[in-house]
Amino acid sequence: MSPSAVRSLWVLCAALVQAASPNPDCFINTKIAQTFNLVHLLKANTTVLLNTYLSHQGSPFSDPGFSSSKVQYKGVPTASIPFLKWRTLSDTERLDKNYEAYTILSEFLQLVWDDQFHISDGKDELLEMLRVTRLRIQGLLSNLTSIMTALGVPPTPVADLLTPEVIEATTFEKKIRGYVVCDSYRQWVERTVRDFSLLMEKFPT
């Protein structure tokens, strides 16, 4: 084979290797766009989940206009954050906060499912919504892990907060806990939409 033919063969091989190699930037941009769409899907169902939960708890939860947005429950992550503090977080810090929050919320949603299985009447619809919500959160966590790993900063491991002391509660406390979990989940999804809106500007498809 002539030298020129060898050089041509090397150029062709190099081009094929480059074409076959994934573009990291393209992967991140696509994954962020996919996650943005997933979060919008989650957002469309958060209010429905909260209202369905309240409708199965009896008075005062099911009373018209019930609201207890300032109530908190130990261990349930709070989405509220001052604007300037949120705005100055780095991309990876925002992603890590999301990963931590949804990891904890996923555990709490399983606990709410267990609680409602025993205390809620006509619970099949609610239990199914809680189950589907957890599955979608697992998909979100998988996407967050992929994005952060591609950015070179894997998620920080999250400690298991559901100790026996946290799990033990009266029936009324379980209903309060479920309300706080569903409402905090709604607030976190709204925050995640804002987070990914910023990311979409920096990583356009």
Protein backbone atom coordinates (compact mmCIF):
# COMPACT_ATOMS: atom_id res chain seq x y z
CA MET A 1 0.00 0.00 0.00
CA SER A 2 1.40 3.40 -0.97
CA PRO A 3 2.19 6.06 1.70
CA SER A 4 -0.62 8.25 0.39
CA ALA A 5 -3.10 5.40 0.69
CA VAL A 6 -1.96 4.72 4.26
CA ARG A 7 -2.43 8.39 5.17
CA SER A 8 -5.90 8.36 3.62
CA LEU A 9 -6.79 5.25 5.60
CA TRP A 10 -5.64 6.87 8.86
CA VAL A 11 -7.69 9.99 8.14
CA LEU A 12 -10.75 7.85 7.43
CA CYS A 13 -10.30 5.84 10.65
CA ALA A 14 -9.86 9.00 12.70
CA ALA A 15 -13.04 10.46 11.22
CA LEU A 16 -14.98 7.30 12.01
CA VAL A 17 -13.71 7.25 15.61
CA GLN A 18 -14.65 10.90 16.07
CA ALA A 19 -18.12 10.30 14.64
CA ALA A 20 -18.65 7.30 16.89
CA SER A 21 -17.46 9.09 20.05
CA PRO A 22 -20.25 10.76 22.03
CA ASN A 23 -20.14 14.53 22.37
CA PRO A 24 -20.20 15.26 26.13
CA ASP A 25 -21.72 18.72 25.64
CA CYS A 26 -24.44 17.31 23.41
CA PHE A 27 -25.23 14.61 25.99
CA ILE A 28 -25.52 17.12 28.84
CA ASN A 29 -27.69 19.51 26.81
CA THR A 30 -30.02 16.72 25.73
CA LYS A 31 -30.29 15.26 29.24
CA ILE A 32 -31.04 18.70 30.70
CA ALA A 33 -33.78 19.24 28.10
CA GLN A 34 -35.27 15.80 28.86
CA THR A 35 -35.21 16.54 32.58
CA PHE A 36 -36.80 19.95 32.03
CA ASN A 37 -39.68 18.23 30.21
CA LEU A 38 -39.99 15.64 32.98
CA VAL A 39 -40.14 18.34 35.65
CA HIS A 40 -42.96 20.08 33.78
CA LEU A 41 -44.82 16.77 33.75
CA LEU A 42 -44.31 16.49 37.50
CA LYS A 43 -45.49 20.06 38.01
CA ALA A 44 -48.74 19.38 36.16
CA ASN A 45 -49.61 16.71 38.74
CA THR A 46 -48.41 18.20 42.03
CA THR A 47 -51.60 20.14 42.83
CA VAL A 48 -53.75 17.16 41.86
CA LEU A 49 -51.77 14.94 44.23
CA LEU A 50 -52.07 17.46 47.08
CA ASN A 51 -55.81 17.97 46.59
CA THR A 52 -56.44 14.24 46.28
CA TYR A 53 -54.48 13.66 49.48
CA LEU A 54 -56.50 16.26 51.39
CA SER A 55 -59.81 14.89 50.12
CA HIS A 56 -59.07 11.53 51.76
CA GLN A 57 -58.11 12.83 55.22
CA GLY A 58 -61.44 14.08 56.56
CA SER A 59 -62.00 17.36 58.42
CA PRO A 60 -60.22 19.76 58.75
CA PHE A 61 -58.02 18.65 55.84
CA SER A 62 -60.88 18.11 53.42
CA ASP A 63 -62.69 21.32 54.40
CA PRO A 64 -62.95 23.94 51.61
CA GLY A 65 -60.06 26.39 51.68
CA PHE A 66 -57.91 24.33 54.05
CA SER A 67 -54.35 25.60 54.12
CA SER A 68 -51.51 25.16 56.54
CA SER A 69 -48.55 26.17 54.41
CA LYS A 70 -46.40 27.25 57.38
CA VAL A 71 -46.53 23.82 59.02
CA GLN A 72 -43.28 21.86 58.82
CA TYR A 73 -42.33 18.30 59.71
CA LYS A 74 -38.95 17.19 60.96
CA GLY A 75 -36.75 15.93 58.14
CA VAL A 76 -38.96 17.03 55.24
CA PRO A 77 -36.83 19.29 52.98
CA THR A 78 -37.97 22.90 52.59
CA ALA A 79 -37.84 24.45 49.13
CA SER A 80 -38.07 28.03 50.38
CA ILE A 81 -34.88 30.03 49.88
CA PRO A 82 -34.11 33.79 49.62
CA PHE A 83 -33.90 34.85 45.97
CA LEU A 84 -30.36 36.22 46.08
CA LYS A 85 -29.06 33.13 47.86
CA TRP A 86 -30.75 30.91 45.26
CA ARG A 87 -29.51 33.07 42.39
CA THR A 88 -25.88 32.93 43.51
CA LEU A 89 -25.77 29.14 43.79
CA SER A 90 -23.64 27.42 41.16
CA ASP A 91 -25.23 25.03 38.68
CA THR A 92 -23.85 22.00 40.49
CA GLU A 93 -24.97 23.35 43.88
CA ARG A 94 -28.52 23.72 42.58
CA LEU A 95 -28.45 20.22 41.13
CA ASP A 96 -27.06 18.78 44.36
CA LYS A 97 -29.78 20.49 46.42
CA ASN A 98 -32.37 18.98 44.10
CA TYR A 99 -30.82 15.53 44.36
CA GLU A 100 -30.82 15.70 48.16
CA ALA A 101 -34.40 16.99 48.36
CA TYR A 102 -35.90 14.41 46.01
CA THR A 103 -33.99 11.55 47.60
CA ILE A 104 -35.52 12.46 50.97
CA LEU A 105 -38.97 13.17 49.49
CA SER A 106 -38.97 9.78 47.80
CA GLU A 107 -38.44 8.09 51.17
CA PHE A 108 -41.12 10.20 52.82
CA LEU A 109 -43.59 9.47 50.02
CA GLN A 110 -43.11 5.76 50.66
CA LEU A 111 -43.82 6.43 54.34
CA VAL A 112 -46.95 8.40 53.40
CA TRP A 113 -48.04 5.49 51.20
CA ASP A 114 -47.62 3.11 54.14
CA ASP A 115 -49.56 5.46 56.44
CA GLN A 116 -52.42 5.94 53.98
CA PHE A 117 -52.71 2.23 53.31
CA HIS A 118 -53.84 1.82 56.92
CA ILE A 119 -55.75 5.02 57.69
CA SER A 120 -57.34 6.31 54.48
CA ASP A 121 -60.82 5.35 53.24
CA GLY A 122 -61.31 4.78 49.52
CA LYS A 123 -57.57 4.98 49.19
CA ASP A 124 -56.87 3.20 45.88
CA GLU A 125 -56.73 6.39 43.81
CA LEU A 126 -54.46 8.13 46.30
CA LEU A 127 -52.15 5.13 46.72
CA GLU A 128 -51.73 4.86 42.96
CA MET A 129 -50.89 8.55 42.68
CA LEU A 130 -48.30 8.24 45.45
CA ARG A 131 -46.80 5.19 43.75
CA VAL A 132 -46.56 6.88 40.35
CA THR A 133 -45.11 10.02 41.92
CA ARG A 134 -42.32 8.01 43.53
CA LEU A 135 -41.54 6.29 40.20
CA ARG A 136 -41.28 9.65 38.45
CA ILE A 137 -39.04 10.96 41.20
CA GLN A 138 -36.77 7.95 40.70
CA GLY A 139 -36.55 8.89 37.02
CA LEU A 140 -35.71 12.46 37.98
CA LEU A 141 -33.00 11.29 40.39
CA SER A 142 -31.50 9.12 37.66
CA ASN A 143 -31.37 12.11 35.31
CA LEU A 144 -29.85 14.34 37.99
CA THR A 145 -27.16 11.73 38.62
CA SER A 146 -26.35 11.50 34.90
CA ILE A 147 -26.14 15.27 34.50
CA MET A 148 -23.97 15.81 37.56
CA THR A 149 -21.67 12.93 36.70
CA ALA A 150 -21.24 14.32 33.18
CA LEU A 151 -20.40 17.69 34.71
CA GLY A 152 -17.73 16.00 36.84
CA VAL A 153 -19.47 16.48 40.20
CA PRO A 154 -21.44 13.34 41.23
CA PRO A 155 -24.27 13.87 43.75
CA THR A 156 -23.39 14.05 47.43
CA PRO A 157 -24.58 10.90 49.29
CA VAL A 158 -27.75 11.57 51.29
CA ALA A 159 -28.13 10.31 54.85
CA ASP A 160 -31.21 8.23 55.69
CA LEU A 161 -33.34 10.47 57.92
CA LEU A 162 -36.22 8.08 58.53
CA THR A 163 -35.34 6.86 61.99
CA PRO A 164 -37.86 5.02 64.21
CA GLU A 165 -38.40 8.28 66.10
CA VAL A 166 -39.45 10.04 62.90
CA ILE A 167 -41.69 7.21 61.72
CA GLU A 168 -43.64 6.86 64.98
CA ALA A 169 -46.72 9.12 64.99
CA THR A 170 -50.40 9.28 65.89
CA THR A 171 -53.01 9.06 63.14
CA PHE A 172 -53.47 12.83 63.12
CA GLU A 173 -49.70 13.37 63.02
CA LYS A 174 -49.47 10.98 60.06
CA LYS A 175 -52.09 13.02 58.23
CA ILE A 176 -50.17 16.22 58.96
CA ARG A 177 -46.94 14.55 57.83
CA GLY A 178 -48.49 13.46 54.56
CA TYR A 179 -49.83 16.93 53.94
CA VAL A 180 -46.42 18.51 54.55
CA VAL A 181 -44.70 15.95 52.29
CA CYS A 182 -47.15 16.50 49.40
CA ASP A 183 -47.03 20.29 49.76
CA SER A 184 -43.22 20.36 50.06
CA TYR A 185 -43.00 18.16 46.97
CA ARG A 186 -45.17 20.68 45.08
CA GLN A 187 -42.93 23.55 46.19
CA TRP A 188 -39.76 21.68 45.29
CA VAL A 189 -41.00 20.93 41.78
CA GLU A 190 -41.71 24.64 41.29
CA ARG A 191 -38.17 25.42 42.44
CA THR A 192 -36.73 22.74 40.13
CA VAL A 193 -38.55 24.30 37.17
CA ARG A 194 -36.75 27.58 37.94
CA ASP A 195 -33.43 25.77 38.34
CA PHE A 196 -33.72 24.02 35.00
CA SER A 197 -34.93 27.16 33.26
CA LEU A 198 -31.53 28.66 34.13
CA LEU A 199 -29.72 25.52 33.01
CA MET A 200 -31.56 25.52 29.68
CA GLU A 201 -30.19 29.01 29.01
CA LYS A 202 -26.63 27.84 29.64
CA PHE A 203 -26.96 24.46 27.92
CA PRO A 204 -29.30 25.04 24.94
CA THR A 205 -30.22 22.11 22.74
